[in-house]
Each structure stands twice: as structure tokens, then as C-alpha cells.
Amino acid sequence: MGLVRLSELLGRPVPASPSRITDLVAPLGAGQPAVRAAGLGHRLHVAGWVRWPDLRTPATAPVPGELRLVRDLLDGQIFDIAGNRLVRVGDVLFEEDGDLFLVGVEVGAASVWRRLGLHRVADHLPATVIDWPDLHPATGAGLAHHLAANPTALHQLTAPQLATLTSGLATHHAAMVLDHLPPDHAEAVLGHLHPRRAAALTRLRNLLP
């Protein structure tokens, strides 16, 4: 068993194929979900999907409730529950034991330098790891898929925590978060926001179907 980074897997050649690994898919859920499939192609383009770990058997494309780790998570924002902050994902971490189990993300400058190939620089910088159960995807498709798979995922967060989360999101993403909360919880979050931000979110939520 060993720790593996997503950046180390991307671009890896595939047996009997001119393609390389360009993305990975894992289900959203509690615990440490296992990678189901790999996207094959060139650079960021995915031409097809194969099962992990054999990389030979065709697999279905991602379905609702699954996350594309490059497109939906890498370089995107997540909410660190324990640290009560929005941070950007520098790399994704797995435990490899035949299968790949999603264990967390790495944030901070070390992961950025490492992906640029400057390992000596990265080795002298602190790396912060956030465990998978302790985070919420907070931007784009990652947030949408997370809420679709578990509509009550954010209910455990307090109003001040959710105010911190929504303050750093685009207005339409913040409105999406509020719409997945019980009405009284959403109103409490609005009470912790700047009045202009709260008013803008209220107007947008009134326009949503």
C-alpha cells in the first residue's frame, strides 16, 4: 500500500494503446471511494473510458453521483470543514492497493511546484493534506455533482461555516448551496453575509425554478 498523487498518474501510457491517462472517475460518498474508471486520450481530451485498474476493458462514461477528478476537482476550490476556509486543490491523493482509494487532497504551493517538475523546491515547502471526509467540492461541476449525490451533505455545517463557503463562490453557485438547505438554515446563512451579498442571493434564488 502506498500514497499516489493524481499528477503522477496523468499522462501515464496505457498498454496496447497510443492514448494516455487524462482523467479518473470515482463515486461520491462517505469513506474512501475507489476509482472506477480512467479516461484515455491526449492532454485534457478524453476519447474513451476503461476500467481501473486493468486499463483494457471498456467502461461506461461518468454518471450522476460520480466525480471526474481532473475536470471537476483538480485546481478547483474545496471547502475545508475543519479549517473553515476555501482552498484550491493542488493535487489529489490516493492509497494504492491494487485499487486506488481516494483519501484526500493536497493544498498549498508545494503541490504546484511539484506538478511543474520542481521537486526540490516542493520538498522544502510545507504540504497541507485535507482528508476526503473533511471537505466539500465548492466550484463548478464538482459542487453540482456533490449536491446531486448527497442533497443533505451541507446540513452538518453551521451558518457561519456556510457563510464562509458561500462568500467565496460565484453568486449562482452560492444560490445552489442555499437551495439545498432547509429554509431556516438558509435564512441564518444569509444573516451572516454582507447585506449586499445577501440581497443579491435572495434576488437570484427568487428567479430560480
C-alpha atoms as a PDB file:
ATOM      1  CA  MET A   1       0.000   0.000   0.000  1.00  0.00           C
ATOM      2  CA  GLY A   2       1.373   3.437  -0.845  1.00  0.00           C
ATOM      3  CA  LEU A   3       0.407   7.046  -1.374  1.00  0.00           C
ATOM      4  CA  VAL A   4      -0.024   8.120  -5.009  1.00  0.00           C
ATOM      5  CA  ARG A   5      -0.802  11.567  -6.407  1.00  0.00           C
ATOM      6  CA  LEU A   6      -3.153  12.222  -9.302  1.00  0.00           C
ATOM      7  CA  SER A   7      -0.436  14.255 -11.025  1.00  0.00           C
ATOM      8  CA  GLU A   8       1.781  11.154 -11.052  1.00  0.00           C
ATOM      9  CA  LEU A   9      -0.879   9.141 -12.867  1.00  0.00           C
ATOM     10  CA  LEU A  10      -1.807  11.672 -15.532  1.00  0.00           C
ATOM     11  CA  GLY A  11      -0.008  11.104 -18.802  1.00  0.00           C
ATOM     12  CA  ARG A  12       0.873   7.530 -17.873  1.00  0.00           C
ATOM     13  CA  PRO A  13       0.942   5.311 -21.000  1.00  0.00           C
ATOM     14  CA  VAL A  14      -1.655   2.580 -21.367  1.00  0.00           C
ATOM     15  CA  PRO A  15      -0.857  -0.972 -22.547  1.00  0.00           C
ATOM     16  CA  ALA A  16      -1.614  -1.637 -26.221  1.00  0.00           C
ATOM     17  CA  SER A  17      -2.904   1.898 -26.773  1.00  0.00           C
ATOM     18  CA  PRO A  18      -1.445   5.140 -28.131  1.00  0.00           C
ATOM     19  CA  SER A  19      -3.524   7.027 -25.551  1.00  0.00           C
ATOM     20  CA  ARG A  20      -2.565   8.137 -22.067  1.00  0.00           C
ATOM     21  CA  ILE A  21      -4.461   8.612 -18.824  1.00  0.00           C
ATOM     22  CA  THR A  22      -6.129  12.038 -18.825  1.00  0.00           C
ATOM     23  CA  ASP A  23      -8.754  11.745 -16.065  1.00  0.00           C
ATOM     24  CA  LEU A  24     -10.075   9.410 -13.355  1.00  0.00           C
ATOM     25  CA  VAL A  25     -13.610   8.786 -12.124  1.00  0.00           C
ATOM     26  CA  ALA A  26     -14.682   7.957  -8.576  1.00  0.00           C
ATOM     27  CA  PRO A  27     -18.102   7.832  -6.920  1.00  0.00           C
ATOM     28  CA  LEU A  28     -19.045  10.498  -4.442  1.00  0.00           C
ATOM     29  CA  GLY A  29     -19.785   9.268  -0.976  1.00  0.00           C
ATOM     30  CA  ALA A  30     -18.526   8.683   2.522  1.00  0.00           C
ATOM     31  CA  GLY A  31     -15.300   6.956   3.396  1.00  0.00           C
ATOM     32  CA  GLN A  32     -12.574   6.498   0.813  1.00  0.00           C
ATOM     33  CA  PRO A  33     -14.223   5.771  -2.568  1.00  0.00           C
ATOM     34  CA  ALA A  34     -12.364   3.648  -5.104  1.00  0.00           C
ATOM     35  CA  VAL A  35     -11.542   4.863  -8.604  1.00  0.00           C
ATOM     36  CA  ARG A  36     -13.856   3.114 -11.086  1.00  0.00           C
ATOM     37  CA  ALA A  37     -12.520   4.162 -14.469  1.00  0.00           C
ATOM     38  CA  ALA A  38      -9.804   6.083 -16.267  1.00  0.00           C
ATOM     39  CA  GLY A  39     -10.270   8.459 -19.165  1.00  0.00           C
ATOM     40  CA  LEU A  40      -7.902   7.883 -22.077  1.00  0.00           C
ATOM     41  CA  GLY A  41      -6.858  10.465 -24.619  1.00  0.00           C
ATOM     42  CA  HIS A  42      -4.289  13.182 -25.079  1.00  0.00           C
ATOM     43  CA  ARG A  43      -3.648  16.162 -22.803  1.00  0.00           C
ATOM     44  CA  LEU A  44      -7.043  17.176 -21.363  1.00  0.00           C
ATOM     45  CA  HIS A  45      -9.166  15.454 -24.003  1.00  0.00           C
ATOM     46  CA  VAL A  46     -10.908  12.191 -23.050  1.00  0.00           C
ATOM     47  CA  ALA A  47     -11.580   9.942 -26.042  1.00  0.00           C
ATOM     48  CA  GLY A  48     -12.909   6.958 -24.086  1.00  0.00           C
ATOM     49  CA  TRP A  49     -13.133   5.233 -20.713  1.00  0.00           C
ATOM     50  CA  VAL A  50     -11.618   1.989 -19.421  1.00  0.00           C
ATOM     51  CA  ARG A  51     -11.961   0.150 -16.152  1.00  0.00           C
ATOM     52  CA  TRP A  52      -9.462   0.721 -13.394  1.00  0.00           C
ATOM     53  CA  PRO A  53      -7.062  -0.935 -12.715  1.00  0.00           C
ATOM     54  CA  ASP A  54      -6.827  -3.196 -15.785  1.00  0.00           C
ATOM     55  CA  LEU A  55      -6.970  -0.260 -18.264  1.00  0.00           C
ATOM     56  CA  ARG A  56      -8.089  -2.620 -21.024  1.00  0.00           C
ATOM     57  CA  THR A  57     -11.804  -3.289 -20.540  1.00  0.00           C
ATOM     58  CA  PRO A  58     -14.127  -0.546 -21.828  1.00  0.00           C
ATOM     59  CA  ALA A  59     -16.056   1.294 -19.125  1.00  0.00           C
ATOM     60  CA  THR A  60     -19.126   3.491 -19.153  1.00  0.00           C
ATOM     61  CA  ALA A  61     -18.791   7.257 -19.073  1.00  0.00           C
ATOM     62  CA  PRO A  62     -19.291   9.029 -15.730  1.00  0.00           C
ATOM     63  CA  VAL A  63     -22.848   9.042 -14.418  1.00  0.00           C
ATOM     64  CA  PRO A  64     -24.596  11.311 -11.894  1.00  0.00           C
ATOM     65  CA  GLY A  65     -23.089  10.722  -8.485  1.00  0.00           C
ATOM     66  CA  GLU A  66     -19.567  10.338  -9.866  1.00  0.00           C
ATOM     67  CA  LEU A  67     -16.775  12.887  -9.998  1.00  0.00           C
ATOM     68  CA  ARG A  68     -14.195  13.434 -12.740  1.00  0.00           C
ATOM     69  CA  LEU A  69     -11.170  14.196 -10.628  1.00  0.00           C
ATOM     70  CA  VAL A  70      -9.289  16.313 -13.185  1.00  0.00           C
ATOM     71  CA  ARG A  71     -12.183  18.235 -14.683  1.00  0.00           C
ATOM     72  CA  ASP A  72     -14.267  18.618 -11.516  1.00  0.00           C
ATOM     73  CA  LEU A  73     -11.721  18.771  -8.688  1.00  0.00           C
ATOM     74  CA  LEU A  74      -8.073  19.444  -9.602  1.00  0.00           C
ATOM     75  CA  ASP A  75      -7.284  23.198  -9.430  1.00  0.00           C
ATOM     76  CA  GLY A  76     -10.826  23.851  -8.237  1.00  0.00           C
ATOM     77  CA  GLN A  77     -11.890  25.135  -4.831  1.00  0.00           C
ATOM     78  CA  ILE A  78     -12.970  22.987  -1.913  1.00  0.00           C
ATOM     79  CA  PHE A  79     -14.310  23.918   1.499  1.00  0.00           C
ATOM     80  CA  ASP A  80     -12.091  22.652   4.313  1.00  0.00           C
ATOM     81  CA  ILE A  81     -14.555  21.875   7.101  1.00  0.00           C
ATOM     82  CA  ALA A  82     -12.013  21.675   9.922  1.00  0.00           C
ATOM     83  CA  GLY A  83     -10.180  24.817   8.816  1.00  0.00           C
ATOM     84  CA  ASN A  84     -13.394  26.697   7.951  1.00  0.00           C
ATOM     85  CA  ARG A  85     -11.863  28.029   4.731  1.00  0.00           C
ATOM     86  CA  LEU A  86     -11.982  27.836   0.963  1.00  0.00           C
ATOM     87  CA  VAL A  87      -8.786  26.473  -0.576  1.00  0.00           C
ATOM     88  CA  ARG A  88      -7.645  25.442  -4.047  1.00  0.00           C
ATOM     89  CA  VAL A  89      -6.789  21.823  -4.810  1.00  0.00           C
ATOM     90  CA  GLY A  90      -3.188  21.371  -5.885  1.00  0.00           C
ATOM     91  CA  ASP A  91      -3.276  17.580  -6.135  1.00  0.00           C
ATOM     92  CA  VAL A  92      -5.471  14.594  -5.296  1.00  0.00           C
ATOM     93  CA  LEU A  93      -4.185  11.780  -3.084  1.00  0.00           C
ATOM     94  CA  PHE A  94      -4.875   8.045  -3.246  1.00  0.00           C
ATOM     95  CA  GLU A  95      -3.894   4.918  -1.380  1.00  0.00           C
ATOM     96  CA  GLU A  96      -2.874   2.294  -3.944  1.00  0.00           C
ATOM     97  CA  ASP A  97      -3.560  -1.334  -3.056  1.00  0.00           C
ATOM     98  CA  GLY A  98      -4.471  -2.871  -6.399  1.00  0.00           C
ATOM     99  CA  ASP A  99      -7.354  -0.411  -6.500  1.00  0.00           C
ATOM    100  CA  LEU A 100      -6.987   3.321  -5.951  1.00  0.00           C
ATOM    101  CA  PHE A 101      -8.775   4.701  -2.914  1.00  0.00           C
ATOM    102  CA  LEU A 102      -9.432   8.440  -2.739  1.00  0.00           C
ATOM    103  CA  VAL A 103      -8.076   9.636   0.616  1.00  0.00           C
ATOM    104  CA  GLY A 104      -7.773  13.406   0.326  1.00  0.00           C
ATOM    105  CA  VAL A 105      -6.355  16.429  -1.433  1.00  0.00           C
ATOM    106  CA  GLU A 106      -3.161  18.409  -1.130  1.00  0.00           C
ATOM    107  CA  VAL A 107      -3.268  22.189  -0.978  1.00  0.00           C
ATOM    108  CA  GLY A 108      -0.553  24.813  -0.946  1.00  0.00           C
ATOM    109  CA  ALA A 109       2.434  25.830  -3.027  1.00  0.00           C
ATOM    110  CA  ALA A 110       4.302  22.525  -2.687  1.00  0.00           C
ATOM    111  CA  SER A 111       1.867  20.680  -4.940  1.00  0.00           C
ATOM    112  CA  VAL A 112       2.041  23.416  -7.584  1.00  0.00           C
ATOM    113  CA  TRP A 113       5.848  23.296  -7.743  1.00  0.00           C
ATOM    114  CA  ARG A 114       5.798  19.504  -7.816  1.00  0.00           C
ATOM    115  CA  ARG A 115       3.451  19.473 -10.806  1.00  0.00           C
ATOM    116  CA  LEU A 116       5.824  21.845 -12.580  1.00  0.00           C
ATOM    117  CA  GLY A 117       8.589  19.296 -12.084  1.00  0.00           C
ATOM    118  CA  LEU A 118      10.434  21.337  -9.457  1.00  0.00           C
ATOM    119  CA  HIS A 119      10.540  18.600  -6.844  1.00  0.00           C
ATOM    120  CA  ARG A 120      13.487  20.030  -4.918  1.00  0.00           C
ATOM    121  CA  VAL A 121      11.602  23.278  -4.373  1.00  0.00           C
ATOM    122  CA  ALA A 122       8.456  21.388  -3.381  1.00  0.00           C
ATOM    123  CA  ASP A 123      10.368  19.255  -0.875  1.00  0.00           C
ATOM    124  CA  HIS A 124      11.319  22.389   1.088  1.00  0.00           C
ATOM    125  CA  LEU A 125       7.758  23.682   1.345  1.00  0.00           C
ATOM    126  CA  PRO A 126       5.069  22.532   3.775  1.00  0.00           C
ATOM    127  CA  ALA A 127       2.281  20.435   2.283  1.00  0.00           C
ATOM    128  CA  THR A 128      -1.225  20.509   3.736  1.00  0.00           C
ATOM    129  CA  VAL A 129      -3.407  17.436   3.292  1.00  0.00           C
ATOM    130  CA  ILE A 130      -7.175  17.542   3.802  1.00  0.00           C
ATOM    131  CA  ASP A 131      -8.840  14.174   4.298  1.00  0.00           C
ATOM    132  CA  TRP A 132     -11.612  13.312   1.858  1.00  0.00           C
ATOM    133  CA  PRO A 133     -14.397  13.138   4.504  1.00  0.00           C
ATOM    134  CA  ASP A 134     -13.389  16.625   5.717  1.00  0.00           C
ATOM    135  CA  LEU A 135     -14.024  18.550   2.508  1.00  0.00           C
ATOM    136  CA  HIS A 136     -16.755  19.645   0.137  1.00  0.00           C
ATOM    137  CA  PRO A 137     -16.140  20.463  -3.553  1.00  0.00           C
ATOM    138  CA  ALA A 138     -17.024  24.129  -3.891  1.00  0.00           C
ATOM    139  CA  THR A 139     -16.923  25.113  -7.557  1.00  0.00           C
ATOM    140  CA  GLY A 140     -18.405  24.169 -10.870  1.00  0.00           C
ATOM    141  CA  ALA A 141     -19.377  20.612 -11.699  1.00  0.00           C
ATOM    142  CA  GLY A 142     -17.731  19.296  -8.539  1.00  0.00           C
ATOM    143  CA  LEU A 143     -20.185  21.202  -6.350  1.00  0.00           C
ATOM    144  CA  ALA A 144     -23.182  20.282  -8.517  1.00  0.00           C
ATOM    145  CA  HIS A 145     -22.310  16.571  -8.563  1.00  0.00           C
ATOM    146  CA  HIS A 146     -21.650  16.571  -4.836  1.00  0.00           C
ATOM    147  CA  LEU A 147     -25.018  18.103  -4.012  1.00  0.00           C
ATOM    148  CA  ALA A 148     -26.845  15.885  -6.519  1.00  0.00           C
ATOM    149  CA  ALA A 149     -25.319  12.754  -4.978  1.00  0.00           C
ATOM    150  CA  ASN A 150     -25.980  13.870  -1.405  1.00  0.00           C
ATOM    151  CA  PRO A 151     -28.504  16.717  -1.142  1.00  0.00           C
ATOM    152  CA  THR A 152     -28.057  16.927   2.646  1.00  0.00           C
ATOM    153  CA  ALA A 153     -24.234  16.979   2.509  1.00  0.00           C
ATOM    154  CA  LEU A 154     -24.026  20.582   3.708  1.00  0.00           C
ATOM    155  CA  HIS A 155     -26.583  20.326   6.517  1.00  0.00           C
ATOM    156  CA  GLN A 156     -23.843  19.452   9.032  1.00  0.00           C
ATOM    157  CA  LEU A 157     -22.177  22.836   8.542  1.00  0.00           C
ATOM    158  CA  THR A 158     -23.056  25.757  10.785  1.00  0.00           C
ATOM    159  CA  ALA A 159     -24.428  29.032   9.452  1.00  0.00           C
ATOM    160  CA  PRO A 160     -21.054  30.820   9.948  1.00  0.00           C
ATOM    161  CA  GLN A 161     -19.254  27.990   8.103  1.00  0.00           C
ATOM    162  CA  LEU A 162     -21.721  28.156   5.231  1.00  0.00           C
ATOM    163  CA  ALA A 163     -21.381  31.928   5.120  1.00  0.00           C
ATOM    164  CA  THR A 164     -17.624  31.488   4.687  1.00  0.00           C
ATOM    165  CA  LEU A 165     -18.251  28.935   1.934  1.00  0.00           C
ATOM    166  CA  THR A 166     -20.808  30.988   0.012  1.00  0.00           C
ATOM    167  CA  SER A 167     -18.805  34.220   0.335  1.00  0.00           C
ATOM    168  CA  GLY A 168     -16.082  32.753  -1.859  1.00  0.00           C
ATOM    169  CA  LEU A 169     -18.376  31.282  -4.510  1.00  0.00           C
ATOM    170  CA  ALA A 170     -19.821  32.737  -7.666  1.00  0.00           C
ATOM    171  CA  THR A 171     -23.335  34.006  -6.968  1.00  0.00           C
ATOM    172  CA  HIS A 172     -25.093  31.200  -8.870  1.00  0.00           C
ATOM    173  CA  HIS A 173     -23.052  28.548  -7.040  1.00  0.00           C
ATOM    174  CA  ALA A 174     -23.787  30.201  -3.681  1.00  0.00           C
ATOM    175  CA  ALA A 175     -27.505  30.195  -4.538  1.00  0.00           C
ATOM    176  CA  MET A 176     -27.215  26.474  -5.375  1.00  0.00           C
ATOM    177  CA  VAL A 177     -25.808  25.826  -1.911  1.00  0.00           C
ATOM    178  CA  LEU A 178     -28.590  27.763  -0.182  1.00  0.00           C
ATOM    179  CA  ASP A 179     -31.269  25.940  -2.161  1.00  0.00           C
ATOM    180  CA  HIS A 180     -30.055  22.628  -0.711  1.00  0.00           C
ATOM    181  CA  LEU A 181     -30.567  23.845   2.864  1.00  0.00           C
ATOM    182  CA  PRO A 182     -33.706  23.870   4.997  1.00  0.00           C
ATOM    183  CA  PRO A 183     -35.341  27.337   4.755  1.00  0.00           C
ATOM    184  CA  ASP A 184     -34.472  28.368   8.306  1.00  0.00           C
ATOM    185  CA  HIS A 185     -30.865  27.279   7.858  1.00  0.00           C
ATOM    186  CA  ALA A 186     -30.587  29.238   4.598  1.00  0.00           C
ATOM    187  CA  GLU A 187     -32.007  32.344   6.283  1.00  0.00           C
ATOM    188  CA  ALA A 188     -29.450  32.005   9.082  1.00  0.00           C
ATOM    189  CA  VAL A 189     -26.649  31.868   6.496  1.00  0.00           C
ATOM    190  CA  LEU A 190     -27.951  34.998   4.779  1.00  0.00           C
ATOM    191  CA  GLY A 191     -27.870  36.732   8.152  1.00  0.00           C
ATOM    192  CA  HIS A 192     -24.111  36.184   8.341  1.00  0.00           C
ATOM    193  CA  LEU A 193     -23.410  37.653   4.898  1.00  0.00           C
ATOM    194  CA  HIS A 194     -22.814  41.251   3.853  1.00  0.00           C
ATOM    195  CA  PRO A 195     -26.244  42.828   3.199  1.00  0.00           C
ATOM    196  CA  ARG A 196     -25.492  43.418  -0.499  1.00  0.00           C
ATOM    197  CA  ARG A 197     -24.378  39.826  -0.973  1.00  0.00           C
ATOM    198  CA  ALA A 198     -27.430  38.538   0.879  1.00  0.00           C
ATOM    199  CA  ALA A 199     -29.744  40.714  -1.245  1.00  0.00           C
ATOM    200  CA  ALA A 200     -28.137  39.530  -4.489  1.00  0.00           C
ATOM    201  CA  LEU A 201     -28.527  35.886  -3.460  1.00  0.00           C
ATOM    202  CA  THR A 202     -32.144  36.419  -2.435  1.00  0.00           C
ATOM    203  CA  ARG A 203     -32.953  38.016  -5.815  1.00  0.00           C
ATOM    204  CA  LEU A 204     -31.281  35.176  -7.705  1.00  0.00           C
ATOM    205  CA  ARG A 205     -32.999  32.470  -5.650  1.00  0.00           C
ATOM    206  CA  ASN A 206     -36.352  34.083  -6.405  1.00  0.00           C
ATOM    207  CA  LEU A 207     -35.612  33.714 -10.126  1.00  0.00           C
ATOM    208  CA  LEU A 208     -34.620  30.049  -9.920  1.00  0.00           C
ATOM    209  CA  PRO A 209     -37.278  27.450 -10.817  1.00  0.00           C
END
